[in-house]
Protein backbone atom coordinates (compact mmCIF):
# COMPACT_ATOMS: atom_id res chain seq x y z
CA PRO A 1 17.08 -162.43 53.46
CA THR A 2 19.58 -159.35 54.27
CA GLY A 3 19.40 -156.57 56.71
CA GLY A 4 19.23 -157.12 60.78
CA THR A 5 19.34 -155.17 63.58
CA VAL A 6 21.93 -156.75 65.81
CA TYR A 7 25.25 -157.53 64.58
CA ARG A 8 27.60 -160.49 66.29
CA THR A 9 30.74 -162.04 65.55
CA LEU A 10 31.80 -165.33 67.01
CA LEU A 11 35.89 -165.95 66.96
CA LEU A 12 36.84 -170.15 67.18
CA ARG A 13 39.37 -172.19 67.25
CA VAL A 14 39.47 -175.37 65.91
CA SER A 15 42.70 -177.48 67.81
CA PRO A 16 45.74 -177.55 65.24
CA ASP A 17 45.52 -181.78 66.14
CA THR A 18 42.06 -181.67 64.14
CA ALA A 19 41.73 -184.46 61.47
CA THR A 20 41.29 -182.36 58.18
CA GLU A 21 37.90 -184.25 57.22
CA THR A 22 37.05 -183.35 61.29
CA THR A 23 37.43 -179.32 60.34
CA ALA A 24 35.47 -179.90 56.84
CA ARG A 25 32.35 -180.65 58.26
CA PHE A 26 33.11 -178.06 61.69
CA GLU A 27 32.72 -175.76 58.86
CA ASP A 28 30.18 -177.21 56.71
CA GLU A 29 27.41 -176.94 59.93
CA LEU A 30 28.25 -173.20 60.87
CA ARG A 31 27.91 -172.17 56.52
CA SER A 32 24.45 -174.33 56.70
CA MET A 33 23.05 -172.62 60.85
CA ARG A 34 20.82 -170.18 58.45
CA ARG A 35 18.59 -173.56 57.03
CA TYR A 36 17.96 -174.28 61.51
CA VAL A 37 17.80 -171.15 62.31
CA LYS A 38 15.48 -168.36 60.54
CA THR A 39 16.59 -165.29 62.96
CA ILE A 40 20.34 -165.16 60.87
CA THR A 41 19.37 -162.75 58.27
CA GLY A 42 22.97 -163.11 56.76
CA TRP A 43 26.35 -164.44 57.91
CA GLN A 44 29.75 -165.61 56.67
CA LEU A 45 32.51 -167.83 58.36
CA SER A 46 35.98 -166.50 57.25
CA ARG A 47 39.11 -168.59 58.52
CA VAL A 48 41.71 -166.48 59.77
CA GLU A 49 45.40 -166.04 57.85
CA GLU A 50 47.00 -164.75 61.29
CA ALA A 51 45.45 -164.64 64.84
CA VAL A 52 47.01 -161.63 67.33
CA GLY A 53 46.44 -162.10 71.13
CA ALA A 54 46.49 -164.79 73.39
CA SER A 55 44.22 -167.14 71.63
CA ALA A 56 45.20 -168.30 67.96
CA TRP A 57 41.84 -167.99 66.60
CA THR A 58 40.99 -170.34 63.10
CA HIS A 59 37.31 -168.95 62.27
CA VAL A 60 35.58 -166.34 62.27
CA PHE A 61 31.47 -166.60 61.90
CA GLU A 62 30.24 -163.24 61.70
CA GLN A 63 26.05 -162.82 61.66
CA THR A 64 23.45 -160.53 61.52
CA PHE A 65 19.72 -161.20 63.40
CA THR A 66 16.45 -160.15 62.85
CA GLY A 67 16.44 -158.31 66.69
CA VAL A 68 17.75 -159.42 70.02
CA ASP A 69 15.06 -161.82 70.42
CA GLY A 70 16.37 -163.70 66.89
CA LEU A 71 19.85 -164.24 68.83
CA MET A 72 18.53 -164.51 73.17
CA GLY A 73 16.12 -167.02 71.61
CA PRO A 74 16.22 -169.32 68.25
CA TYR A 75 19.95 -168.93 67.49
CA LEU A 76 20.61 -168.98 71.02
CA MET A 77 18.45 -172.05 72.18
CA HIS A 78 19.01 -174.11 68.89
């Protein structure tokens, strides 16, 4: 599905001492979220190459939703 009326960006930080396998599993689980939350109409997961600011973000997870109810209900209650 494409489209959506609500766009959300989630900035995440994986601790530098996290095992590579754990980070890979984390990324795979984020990528699979669309299968479980049907109100997500689009998404993208990216690794941060260079973070700016107080937190060293490692990932950006962008999503679009069917609407506010799709974000506040199925997504936040997953």
